[in-house]
Amino acid sequence: MVILGTTLRVCVDDLEGAVEFYERLTGAPAQRFERGGVSVAAVGCFLLMSGPEAELEVLRRVSATISVQDVDAAFTALTEAGAKILAGPVPTPVGRNLIAVHPDGSVFEYVDRRAA
């Protein structure tokens, strides 16, 4: 599995205000999409999320998003190393993802930019 980078997940009440701050902080424009009733803005290494509390409660359990070259390779590496796959691989607006629990209990999302 090739890890390309990590994105920090931040749940916010005011997405527009947060986007303005993080765009100024990083110098990067926000890339926006919606998923499951949650508005999302990717700004640099930050993934800002805003929406219904019930949805955000689930999203807060995921420590970070890890970009990988290939989610299928990540699936194989994770399961062989002892991780439990909670969901996926499934298509997303920007590629594919899976959610895994590491043996220490940490929960991570793994994503790639490959079309499903």
Protein backbone atom coordinates (compact mmCIF):
# COMPACT_ATOMS: atom_id res chain seq x y z
CA MET A 1 0.00 0.00 0.00
CA VAL A 2 1.34 3.43 -0.95
CA ILE A 3 0.27 6.27 1.39
CA LEU A 4 0.21 9.61 -0.40
CA GLY A 5 -0.81 11.89 2.47
CA THR A 6 -3.15 12.53 5.38
CA THR A 7 -6.12 14.85 5.68
CA LEU A 8 -7.24 16.17 9.05
CA ARG A 9 -10.99 15.98 9.62
CA VAL A 10 -12.66 19.01 11.26
CA CYS A 11 -16.39 19.18 12.08
CA VAL A 12 -17.61 22.80 12.10
CA ASP A 13 -20.88 24.61 12.78
CA ASP A 14 -20.22 27.45 10.32
CA LEU A 15 -18.80 25.96 7.12
CA GLU A 16 -18.56 29.27 5.27
CA GLY A 17 -16.63 30.94 8.10
CA ALA A 18 -14.36 27.92 8.45
CA VAL A 19 -13.70 27.78 4.70
CA GLU A 20 -12.67 31.44 4.70
CA PHE A 21 -10.26 30.88 7.60
CA TYR A 22 -8.69 27.70 6.19
CA GLU A 23 -8.35 29.15 2.68
CA ARG A 24 -6.46 32.11 4.15
CA LEU A 25 -4.40 29.83 6.38
CA THR A 26 -3.38 27.39 3.65
CA GLY A 27 -3.52 29.62 0.57
CA ALA A 28 -5.52 26.86 -1.14
CA PRO A 29 -9.03 27.11 -2.59
CA ALA A 30 -11.77 24.89 -1.16
CA GLN A 31 -13.06 21.95 -3.16
CA ARG A 32 -16.66 21.33 -2.13
CA PHE A 33 -19.09 18.43 -2.29
CA GLU A 34 -21.97 16.96 -0.31
CA ARG A 35 -22.38 13.43 0.96
CA GLY A 36 -25.17 11.98 3.06
CA GLY A 37 -26.54 15.38 4.08
CA VAL A 38 -23.11 16.66 5.11
CA SER A 39 -21.52 19.62 3.35
CA VAL A 40 -17.80 19.09 2.87
CA ALA A 41 -14.97 21.44 1.90
CA ALA A 42 -11.46 20.12 1.30
CA VAL A 43 -8.94 22.92 1.91
CA GLY A 44 -5.28 21.97 1.74
CA CYS A 45 -4.78 19.14 4.24
CA PHE A 46 -8.06 19.89 6.05
CA LEU A 47 -11.45 18.28 5.43
CA LEU A 48 -14.15 20.56 6.86
CA MET A 49 -17.54 18.98 7.47
CA SER A 50 -20.86 20.52 8.53
CA GLY A 51 -24.32 19.04 8.77
CA PRO A 52 -26.81 17.28 11.01
CA GLU A 53 -25.41 16.35 14.42
CA ALA A 54 -26.37 12.69 13.98
CA GLU A 55 -24.20 12.50 10.85
CA LEU A 56 -21.31 14.44 12.41
CA GLU A 57 -21.33 12.17 15.46
CA VAL A 58 -20.45 9.24 13.20
CA LEU A 59 -17.83 11.25 11.28
CA ARG A 60 -16.08 12.34 14.50
CA ARG A 61 -15.18 8.71 15.22
CA VAL A 62 -12.79 8.69 12.25
CA SER A 63 -9.38 10.07 13.28
CA ALA A 64 -8.12 11.10 9.83
CA THR A 65 -8.43 10.46 6.12
CA ILE A 66 -5.45 8.76 4.53
CA SER A 67 -4.89 9.16 0.79
CA VAL A 68 -3.61 6.01 -0.87
CA GLN A 69 -2.72 5.10 -4.41
CA ASP A 70 -5.22 2.23 -4.51
CA VAL A 71 -7.98 1.41 -2.01
CA ASP A 72 -7.96 -2.26 -3.08
CA ALA A 73 -4.27 -2.52 -2.16
CA ALA A 74 -5.04 -0.75 1.14
CA PHE A 75 -7.84 -3.26 1.81
CA THR A 76 -5.43 -6.15 1.32
CA ALA A 77 -2.62 -4.60 3.40
CA LEU A 78 -4.97 -3.62 6.21
CA THR A 79 -6.68 -7.01 6.50
CA GLU A 80 -3.36 -8.87 6.32
CA ALA A 81 -2.00 -6.64 9.12
CA GLY A 82 -5.02 -7.33 11.35
CA ALA A 83 -7.30 -4.33 10.75
CA LYS A 84 -11.07 -4.77 10.58
CA ILE A 85 -12.83 -3.21 7.59
CA LEU A 86 -16.05 -1.49 8.67
CA ALA A 87 -17.17 -0.25 5.24
CA GLY A 88 -16.03 -0.36 1.65
CA PRO A 89 -14.41 -0.12 -0.66
CA VAL A 90 -17.23 2.04 -2.03
CA PRO A 91 -17.39 4.85 -4.61
CA THR A 92 -17.32 8.48 -3.41
CA PRO A 93 -17.64 11.79 -5.26
CA VAL A 94 -13.85 11.85 -5.77
CA GLY A 95 -12.84 8.18 -6.00
CA ARG A 96 -13.26 5.25 -3.62
CA ASN A 97 -12.95 4.79 0.13
CA LEU A 98 -13.03 2.34 2.97
CA ILE A 99 -13.24 2.71 6.74
CA ALA A 100 -10.96 0.53 8.87
CA VAL A 101 -10.38 -0.05 12.57
CA HIS A 102 -6.73 -0.67 13.38
CA PRO A 103 -5.89 -3.28 16.06
CA ASP A 104 -5.32 -0.43 18.57
CA GLY A 105 -8.92 0.77 18.07
CA SER A 106 -8.11 3.80 15.90
CA VAL A 107 -10.55 4.38 13.04
CA PHE A 108 -9.32 5.75 9.71
CA GLU A 109 -10.78 6.44 6.30
CA TYR A 110 -8.64 5.39 3.33
CA VAL A 111 -9.34 7.08 -0.04
CA ASP A 112 -8.04 7.00 -3.58
CA ARG A 113 -8.85 9.08 -6.62
CA ARG A 114 -9.64 6.15 -8.90
CA ALA A 115 -13.01 5.92 -10.58
CA ALA A 116 -15.12 3.03 -9.36
